[in-house]
Amino acid sequence: MLGMLINEKEVKEVQYLLKREMDEILFDLEDERIDHVVKRAMEERYRILFGLFKRVASPKECLGYMRKTKNKSASKS
C-alpha cells in the first residue's frame, strides 16, 4: 500500500487529468473502426482510471463517469 499527501490544487489537477483521459477513452470506445480486442484493453484501462478517480472525486462526480454494465441474463430472454 502506498500513501500520498497532496494539497487541494493537486487534487483538482489529478481529477482534471483523469477526466480528460477517461473522456478520450469513452469517445474512442464509440468508434466502430476500432477492433474489439483493442476496445477490451481500453475498457480495462478505463476501469483502472475510474478506480483512481473514485479516490479523489466526490460521489456526484463519479456518477457521471460510471459505465453501464451489460446484463447477460437480460439478453438471454
PDB file of N, CA and C in Angstrom:
ATOM      1  N   MET A   1       0.850  -1.171   0.000  1.00  0.00           N
ATOM      2  CA  MET A   1       0.000   0.000   0.000  1.00  0.00           C
ATOM      3  C   MET A   1       0.894   1.232   0.000  1.00  0.00           C
ATOM      4  N   LEU A   2       0.551   2.173  -0.829  1.00  0.00           N
ATOM      5  CA  LEU A   2       1.272   3.437  -0.901  1.00  0.00           C
ATOM      6  C   LEU A   2       0.348   4.566  -0.476  1.00  0.00           C
ATOM      7  N   GLY A   3       0.904   5.567   0.130  1.00  0.00           N
ATOM      8  CA  GLY A   3       0.136   6.741   0.515  1.00  0.00           C
ATOM      9  C   GLY A   3       0.761   7.981  -0.099  1.00  0.00           C
ATOM     10  N   MET A   4      -0.049   9.025  -0.193  1.00  0.00           N
ATOM     11  CA  MET A   4       0.449  10.243  -0.804  1.00  0.00           C
ATOM     12  C   MET A   4      -0.295  11.435  -0.200  1.00  0.00           C
ATOM     13  N   LEU A   5       0.447  12.437   0.178  1.00  0.00           N
ATOM     14  CA  LEU A   5      -0.162  13.665   0.662  1.00  0.00           C
ATOM     15  C   LEU A   5      -0.128  14.691  -0.454  1.00  0.00           C
ATOM     16  N   ILE A   6      -1.313  15.183  -0.832  1.00  0.00           N
ATOM     17  CA  ILE A   6      -1.381  16.210  -1.872  1.00  0.00           C
ATOM     18  C   ILE A   6      -2.356  17.289  -1.413  1.00  0.00           C
ATOM     19  N   ASN A   7      -2.099  18.499  -1.862  1.00  0.00           N
ATOM     20  CA  ASN A   7      -2.981  19.599  -1.471  1.00  0.00           C
ATOM     21  C   ASN A   7      -4.180  19.675  -2.418  1.00  0.00           C
ATOM     22  N   GLU A   8      -5.103  20.575  -2.109  1.00  0.00           N
ATOM     23  CA  GLU A   8      -6.352  20.676  -2.877  1.00  0.00           C
ATOM     24  C   GLU A   8      -6.110  21.020  -4.352  1.00  0.00           C
ATOM     25  N   LYS A   9      -5.152  21.869  -4.617  1.00  0.00           N
ATOM     26  CA  LYS A   9      -4.837  22.238  -6.001  1.00  0.00           C
ATOM     27  C   LYS A   9      -4.347  21.019  -6.780  1.00  0.00           C
ATOM     28  N   GLU A  10      -3.540  20.190  -6.138  1.00  0.00           N
ATOM     29  CA  GLU A  10      -3.032  18.981  -6.792  1.00  0.00           C
ATOM     30  C   GLU A  10      -4.149  17.960  -7.005  1.00  0.00           C
ATOM     31  N   VAL A  11      -5.097  17.894  -6.084  1.00  0.00           N
ATOM     32  CA  VAL A  11      -6.251  17.002  -6.244  1.00  0.00           C
ATOM     33  C   VAL A  11      -7.044  17.421  -7.482  1.00  0.00           C
ATOM     34  N   LYS A  12      -7.268  18.714  -7.630  1.00  0.00           N
ATOM     35  CA  LYS A  12      -8.004  19.216  -8.802  1.00  0.00           C
ATOM     36  C   LYS A  12      -7.271  18.868 -10.097  1.00  0.00           C
ATOM     37  N   GLU A  13      -5.949  18.964 -10.084  1.00  0.00           N
ATOM     38  CA  GLU A  13      -5.160  18.633 -11.277  1.00  0.00           C
ATOM     39  C   GLU A  13      -5.265  17.141 -11.599  1.00  0.00           C
ATOM     40  N   VAL A  14      -5.196  16.302 -10.586  1.00  0.00           N
ATOM     41  CA  VAL A  14      -5.331  14.855 -10.797  1.00  0.00           C
ATOM     42  C   VAL A  14      -6.722  14.542 -11.344  1.00  0.00           C
ATOM     43  N   GLN A  15      -7.757  15.168 -10.783  1.00  0.00           N
ATOM     44  CA  GLN A  15      -9.112  14.967 -11.283  1.00  0.00           C
ATOM     45  C   GLN A  15      -9.220  15.374 -12.750  1.00  0.00           C
ATOM     46  N   TYR A  16      -8.653  16.514 -13.082  1.00  0.00           N
ATOM     47  CA  TYR A  16      -8.703  17.004 -14.458  1.00  0.00           C
ATOM     48  C   TYR A  16      -8.034  16.013 -15.416  1.00  0.00           C
ATOM     49  N   LEU A  17      -6.856  15.538 -15.047  1.00  0.00           N
ATOM     50  CA  LEU A  17      -6.128  14.604 -15.906  1.00  0.00           C
ATOM     51  C   LEU A  17      -6.888  13.289 -16.083  1.00  0.00           C
ATOM     52  N   LEU A  18      -7.443  12.775 -14.999  1.00  0.00           N
ATOM     53  CA  LEU A  18      -8.200  11.526 -15.077  1.00  0.00           C
ATOM     54  C   LEU A  18      -9.468  11.701 -15.912  1.00  0.00           C
ATOM     55  N   LYS A  19     -10.180  12.801 -15.716  1.00  0.00           N
ATOM     56  CA  LYS A  19     -11.391  13.062 -16.502  1.00  0.00           C
ATOM     57  C   LYS A  19     -11.065  13.148 -17.985  1.00  0.00           C
ATOM     58  N   ARG A  20     -10.012  13.869 -18.300  1.00  0.00           N
ATOM     59  CA  ARG A  20      -9.626  14.037 -19.706  1.00  0.00           C
ATOM     60  C   ARG A  20      -9.301  12.690 -20.345  1.00  0.00           C
ATOM     61  N   GLU A  21      -8.561  11.857 -19.638  1.00  0.00           N
ATOM     62  CA  GLU A  21      -8.196  10.548 -20.174  1.00  0.00           C
ATOM     63  C   GLU A  21      -9.421   9.642 -20.292  1.00  0.00           C
ATOM     64  N   MET A  22     -10.296   9.669 -19.289  1.00  0.00           N
ATOM     65  CA  MET A  22     -11.500   8.834 -19.360  1.00  0.00           C
ATOM     66  C   MET A  22     -12.428   9.305 -20.475  1.00  0.00           C
ATOM     67  N   ASP A  23     -12.561  10.614 -20.670  1.00  0.00           N
ATOM     68  CA  ASP A  23     -13.376  11.139 -21.767  1.00  0.00           C
ATOM     69  C   ASP A  23     -12.848  10.679 -23.119  1.00  0.00           C
ATOM     70  N   GLU A  24     -11.547  10.682 -23.262  1.00  0.00           N
ATOM     71  CA  GLU A  24     -10.935  10.248 -24.519  1.00  0.00           C
ATOM     72  C   GLU A  24     -11.209   8.764 -24.774  1.00  0.00           C
ATOM     73  N   ILE A  25     -11.104   7.963 -23.728  1.00  0.00           N
ATOM     74  CA  ILE A  25     -11.381   6.532 -23.879  1.00  0.00           C
ATOM     75  C   ILE A  25     -12.844   6.315 -24.233  1.00  0.00           C
ATOM     76  N   LEU A  26     -13.753   7.009 -23.546  1.00  0.00           N
ATOM     77  CA  LEU A  26     -15.181   6.865 -23.854  1.00  0.00           C
ATOM     78  C   LEU A  26     -15.481   7.248 -25.292  1.00  0.00           C
ATOM     79  N   PHE A  27     -14.854   8.298 -25.763  1.00  0.00           N
ATOM     80  CA  PHE A  27     -15.036   8.717 -27.156  1.00  0.00           C
ATOM     81  C   PHE A  27     -14.541   7.632 -28.112  1.00  0.00           C
ATOM     82  N   ASP A  28     -13.356   7.088 -27.842  1.00  0.00           N
ATOM     83  CA  ASP A  28     -12.783   6.063 -28.714  1.00  0.00           C
ATOM     84  C   ASP A  28     -13.579   4.760 -28.679  1.00  0.00           C
ATOM     85  N   LEU A  29     -14.203   4.439 -27.560  1.00  0.00           N
ATOM     86  CA  LEU A  29     -15.000   3.212 -27.476  1.00  0.00           C
ATOM     87  C   LEU A  29     -16.207   3.250 -28.398  1.00  0.00           C
ATOM     88  N   GLU A  30     -16.654   4.445 -28.758  1.00  0.00           N
ATOM     89  CA  GLU A  30     -17.786   4.594 -29.674  1.00  0.00           C
ATOM     90  C   GLU A  30     -17.377   4.429 -31.142  1.00  0.00           C
ATOM     91  N   ASP A  31     -16.093   4.449 -31.426  1.00  0.00           N
ATOM     92  CA  ASP A  31     -15.586   4.360 -32.794  1.00  0.00           C
ATOM     93  C   ASP A  31     -15.690   2.922 -33.297  1.00  0.00           C
ATOM     94  N   GLU A  32     -16.492   2.724 -34.318  1.00  0.00           N
ATOM     95  CA  GLU A  32     -16.714   1.386 -34.875  1.00  0.00           C
ATOM     96  C   GLU A  32     -15.482   0.824 -35.584  1.00  0.00           C
ATOM     97  N   ARG A  33     -14.543   1.674 -35.951  1.00  0.00           N
ATOM     98  CA  ARG A  33     -13.362   1.218 -36.681  1.00  0.00           C
ATOM     99  C   ARG A  33     -12.341   0.536 -35.777  1.00  0.00           C
ATOM    100  N   ILE A  34     -12.466   0.711 -34.479  1.00  0.00           N
ATOM    101  CA  ILE A  34     -11.502   0.140 -33.541  1.00  0.00           C
ATOM    102  C   ILE A  34     -11.882  -1.307 -33.245  1.00  0.00           C
ATOM    103  N   ASP A  35     -10.888  -2.198 -33.346  1.00  0.00           N
ATOM    104  CA  ASP A  35     -11.074  -3.627 -33.142  1.00  0.00           C
ATOM    105  C   ASP A  35     -11.548  -3.922 -31.715  1.00  0.00           C
ATOM    106  N   HIS A  36     -12.344  -4.984 -31.566  1.00  0.00           N
ATOM    107  CA  HIS A  36     -12.896  -5.318 -30.249  1.00  0.00           C
ATOM    108  C   HIS A  36     -11.819  -5.711 -29.242  1.00  0.00           C
ATOM    109  N   VAL A  37     -10.716  -6.276 -29.708  1.00  0.00           N
ATOM    110  CA  VAL A  37      -9.614  -6.637 -28.806  1.00  0.00           C
ATOM    111  C   VAL A  37      -8.999  -5.370 -28.210  1.00  0.00           C
ATOM    112  N   VAL A  38      -8.833  -4.363 -29.034  1.00  0.00           N
ATOM    113  CA  VAL A  38      -8.297  -3.080 -28.580  1.00  0.00           C
ATOM    114  C   VAL A  38      -9.284  -2.423 -27.618  1.00  0.00           C
ATOM    115  N   LYS A  39     -10.562  -2.527 -27.923  1.00  0.00           N
ATOM    116  CA  LYS A  39     -11.582  -1.934 -27.061  1.00  0.00           C
ATOM    117  C   LYS A  39     -11.596  -2.592 -25.684  1.00  0.00           C
ATOM    118  N   ARG A  40     -11.358  -3.913 -25.635  1.00  0.00           N
ATOM    119  CA  ARG A  40     -11.298  -4.580 -24.336  1.00  0.00           C
ATOM    120  C   ARG A  40     -10.150  -4.040 -23.499  1.00  0.00           C
ATOM    121  N   ALA A  41      -9.012  -3.798 -24.136  1.00  0.00           N
ATOM    122  CA  ALA A  41      -7.867  -3.222 -23.425  1.00  0.00           C
ATOM    123  C   ALA A  41      -8.191  -1.807 -22.952  1.00  0.00           C
ATOM    124  N   MET A  42      -8.894  -1.051 -23.785  1.00  0.00           N
ATOM    125  CA  MET A  42      -9.286   0.300 -23.420  1.00  0.00           C
ATOM    126  C   MET A  42     -10.255   0.280 -22.233  1.00  0.00           C
ATOM    127  N   GLU A  43     -11.171  -0.695 -22.226  1.00  0.00           N
ATOM    128  CA  GLU A  43     -12.117  -0.808 -21.122  1.00  0.00           C
ATOM    129  C   GLU A  43     -11.399  -1.148 -19.817  1.00  0.00           C
ATOM    130  N   GLU A  44     -10.388  -1.997 -19.884  1.00  0.00           N
ATOM    131  CA  GLU A  44      -9.606  -2.327 -18.699  1.00  0.00           C
ATOM    132  C   GLU A  44      -8.875  -1.087 -18.180  1.00  0.00           C
ATOM    133  N   ARG A  45      -8.302  -0.327 -19.089  1.00  0.00           N
ATOM    134  CA  ARG A  45      -7.633   0.914 -18.691  1.00  0.00           C
ATOM    135  C   ARG A  45      -8.623   1.888 -18.060  1.00  0.00           C
ATOM    136  N   TYR A  46      -9.825   1.952 -18.631  1.00  0.00           N
ATOM    137  CA  TYR A  46     -10.859   2.830 -18.083  1.00  0.00           C
ATOM    138  C   TYR A  46     -11.193   2.434 -16.646  1.00  0.00           C
ATOM    139  N   ARG A  47     -11.333   1.116 -16.401  1.00  0.00           N
ATOM    140  CA  ARG A  47     -11.641   0.649 -15.045  1.00  0.00           C
ATOM    141  C   ARG A  47     -10.552   1.055 -14.054  1.00  0.00           C
ATOM    142  N   ILE A  48      -9.298   0.967 -14.472  1.00  0.00           N
ATOM    143  CA  ILE A  48      -8.186   1.362 -13.607  1.00  0.00           C
ATOM    144  C   ILE A  48      -8.244   2.865 -13.319  1.00  0.00           C
ATOM    145  N   LEU A  49      -8.436   3.661 -14.369  1.00  0.00           N
ATOM    146  CA  LEU A  49      -8.510   5.117 -14.195  1.00  0.00           C
ATOM    147  C   LEU A  49      -9.705   5.515 -13.336  1.00  0.00           C
ATOM    148  N   PHE A  50     -10.837   4.842 -13.541  1.00  0.00           N
ATOM    149  CA  PHE A  50     -12.023   5.162 -12.753  1.00  0.00           C
ATOM    150  C   PHE A  50     -11.794   4.823 -11.282  1.00  0.00           C
ATOM    151  N   GLY A  51     -11.083   3.727 -11.016  1.00  0.00           N
ATOM    152  CA  GLY A  51     -10.743   3.383  -9.639  1.00  0.00           C
ATOM    153  C   GLY A  51      -9.922   4.472  -8.974  1.00  0.00           C
ATOM    154  N   LEU A  52      -8.979   5.030  -9.712  1.00  0.00           N
ATOM    155  CA  LEU A  52      -8.202   6.158  -9.189  1.00  0.00           C
ATOM    156  C   LEU A  52      -9.080   7.381  -8.996  1.00  0.00           C
ATOM    157  N   PHE A  53      -9.949   7.630  -9.956  1.00  0.00           N
ATOM    158  CA  PHE A  53     -10.827   8.793  -9.900  1.00  0.00           C
ATOM    159  C   PHE A  53     -11.740   8.738  -8.678  1.00  0.00           C
ATOM    160  N   LYS A  54     -12.245   7.547  -8.345  1.00  0.00           N
ATOM    161  CA  LYS A  54     -13.125   7.409  -7.184  1.00  0.00           C
ATOM    162  C   LYS A  54     -12.432   7.816  -5.894  1.00  0.00           C
ATOM    163  N   ARG A  55     -11.118   7.712  -5.865  1.00  0.00           N
ATOM    164  CA  ARG A  55     -10.372   8.058  -4.656  1.00  0.00           C
ATOM    165  C   ARG A  55     -10.219   9.561  -4.456  1.00  0.00           C
ATOM    166  N   VAL A  56     -10.325  10.344  -5.535  1.00  0.00           N
ATOM    167  CA  VAL A  56     -10.097  11.787  -5.416  1.00  0.00           C
ATOM    168  C   VAL A  56     -11.323  12.636  -5.745  1.00  0.00           C
ATOM    169  N   ALA A  57     -12.392  12.016  -6.234  1.00  0.00           N
ATOM    170  CA  ALA A  57     -13.565  12.784  -6.660  1.00  0.00           C
ATOM    171  C   ALA A  57     -14.749  12.523  -5.735  1.00  0.00           C
ATOM    172  N   SER A  58     -15.702  13.422  -5.779  1.00  0.00           N
ATOM    173  CA  SER A  58     -16.922  13.260  -4.990  1.00  0.00           C
ATOM    174  C   SER A  58     -17.812  12.193  -5.643  1.00  0.00           C
ATOM    175  N   PRO A  59     -18.686  11.578  -4.853  1.00  0.00           N
ATOM    176  CA  PRO A  59     -19.601  10.584  -5.432  1.00  0.00           C
ATOM    177  C   PRO A  59     -20.445  11.155  -6.572  1.00  0.00           C
ATOM    178  N   LYS A  60     -20.822  12.411  -6.469  1.00  0.00           N
ATOM    179  CA  LYS A  60     -21.628  13.042  -7.528  1.00  0.00           C
ATOM    180  C   LYS A  60     -20.845  13.095  -8.842  1.00  0.00           C
ATOM    181  N   GLU A  61     -19.564  13.448  -8.761  1.00  0.00           N
ATOM    182  CA  GLU A  61     -18.737  13.491  -9.966  1.00  0.00           C
ATOM    183  C   GLU A  61     -18.535  12.090 -10.542  1.00  0.00           C
ATOM    184  N   CYS A  62     -18.411  11.114  -9.674  1.00  0.00           N
ATOM    185  CA  CYS A  62     -18.195   9.736 -10.115  1.00  0.00           C
ATOM    186  C   CYS A  62     -19.388   9.197 -10.896  1.00  0.00           C
ATOM    187  N   LEU A  63     -20.592   9.613 -10.526  1.00  0.00           N
ATOM    188  CA  LEU A  63     -21.787   9.142 -11.220  1.00  0.00           C
ATOM    189  C   LEU A  63     -21.734   9.436 -12.716  1.00  0.00           C
ATOM    190  N   GLY A  64     -21.174  10.566 -13.078  1.00  0.00           N
ATOM    191  CA  GLY A  64     -21.092  10.945 -14.485  1.00  0.00           C
ATOM    192  C   GLY A  64     -20.137  10.096 -15.297  1.00  0.00           C
ATOM    193  N   TYR A  65     -19.268   9.362 -14.631  1.00  0.00           N
ATOM    194  CA  TYR A  65     -18.275   8.549 -15.332  1.00  0.00           C
ATOM    195  C   TYR A  65     -18.495   7.057 -15.142  1.00  0.00           C
ATOM    196  N   MET A  66     -19.581   6.678 -14.455  1.00  0.00           N
ATOM    197  CA  MET A  66     -19.868   5.255 -14.279  1.00  0.00           C
ATOM    198  C   MET A  66     -20.341   4.677 -15.602  1.00  0.00           C
ATOM    199  N   ARG A  67     -19.790   3.515 -15.926  1.00  0.00           N
ATOM    200  CA  ARG A  67     -20.187   2.842 -17.166  1.00  0.00           C
ATOM    201  C   ARG A  67     -21.387   1.955 -16.903  1.00  0.00           C
ATOM    202  N   LYS A  68     -22.240   1.817 -17.885  1.00  0.00           N
ATOM    203  CA  LYS A  68     -23.372   0.908 -17.771  1.00  0.00           C
ATOM    204  C   LYS A  68     -22.852  -0.511 -17.972  1.00  0.00           C
ATOM    205  N   THR A  69     -23.258  -1.429 -17.084  1.00  0.00           N
ATOM    206  CA  THR A  69     -22.840  -2.821 -17.225  1.00  0.00           C
ATOM    207  C   THR A  69     -23.827  -3.536 -18.107  1.00  0.00           C
ATOM    208  N   LYS A  70     -23.323  -4.465 -18.863  1.00  0.00           N
ATOM    209  CA  LYS A  70     -24.180  -5.267 -19.735  1.00  0.00           C
ATOM    210  C   LYS A  70     -24.708  -6.432 -18.918  1.00  0.00           C
ATOM    211  N   ASN A  71     -26.019  -6.538 -18.858  1.00  0.00           N
ATOM    212  CA  ASN A  71     -26.652  -7.598 -18.119  1.00  0.00           C
ATOM    213  C   ASN A  71     -26.856  -8.789 -19.046  1.00  0.00           C
ATOM    214  N   LYS A  72     -26.055  -9.839 -18.865  1.00  0.00           N
ATOM    215  CA  LYS A  72     -26.112 -11.002 -19.769  1.00  0.00           C
ATOM    216  C   LYS A  72     -27.397 -11.769 -19.618  1.00  0.00           C
ATOM    217  N   SER A  73     -27.967 -11.826 -18.411  1.00  0.00           N
ATOM    218  CA  SER A  73     -29.207 -12.586 -18.219  1.00  0.00           C
ATOM    219  C   SER A  73     -30.366 -11.915 -18.960  1.00  0.00           C
ATOM    220  N   ALA A  74     -30.363 -10.602 -19.069  1.00  0.00           N
ATOM    221  CA  ALA A  74     -31.434  -9.898 -19.777  1.00  0.00           C
ATOM    222  C   ALA A  74     -31.368 -10.158 -21.271  1.00  0.00           C
ATOM    223  N   SER A  75     -30.159 -10.345 -21.800  1.00  0.00           N
ATOM    224  CA  SER A  75     -30.031 -10.572 -23.249  1.00  0.00           C
ATOM    225  C   SER A  75     -30.430 -11.978 -23.648  1.00  0.00           C
ATOM    226  N   LYS A  76     -30.491 -12.918 -22.693  1.00  0.00           N
ATOM    227  CA  LYS A  76     -30.886 -14.295 -22.990  1.00  0.00           C
ATOM    228  C   LYS A  76     -32.389 -14.456 -23.087  1.00  0.00           C
ATOM    229  N   SER A  77     -33.151 -13.508 -22.565  1.00  0.00           N
ATOM    230  CA  SER A  77     -34.626 -13.632 -22.554  1.00  0.00           C
ATOM    231  C   SER A  77     -35.211 -13.405 -23.908  1.00  0.00           C
TER     232      SER A  77
END
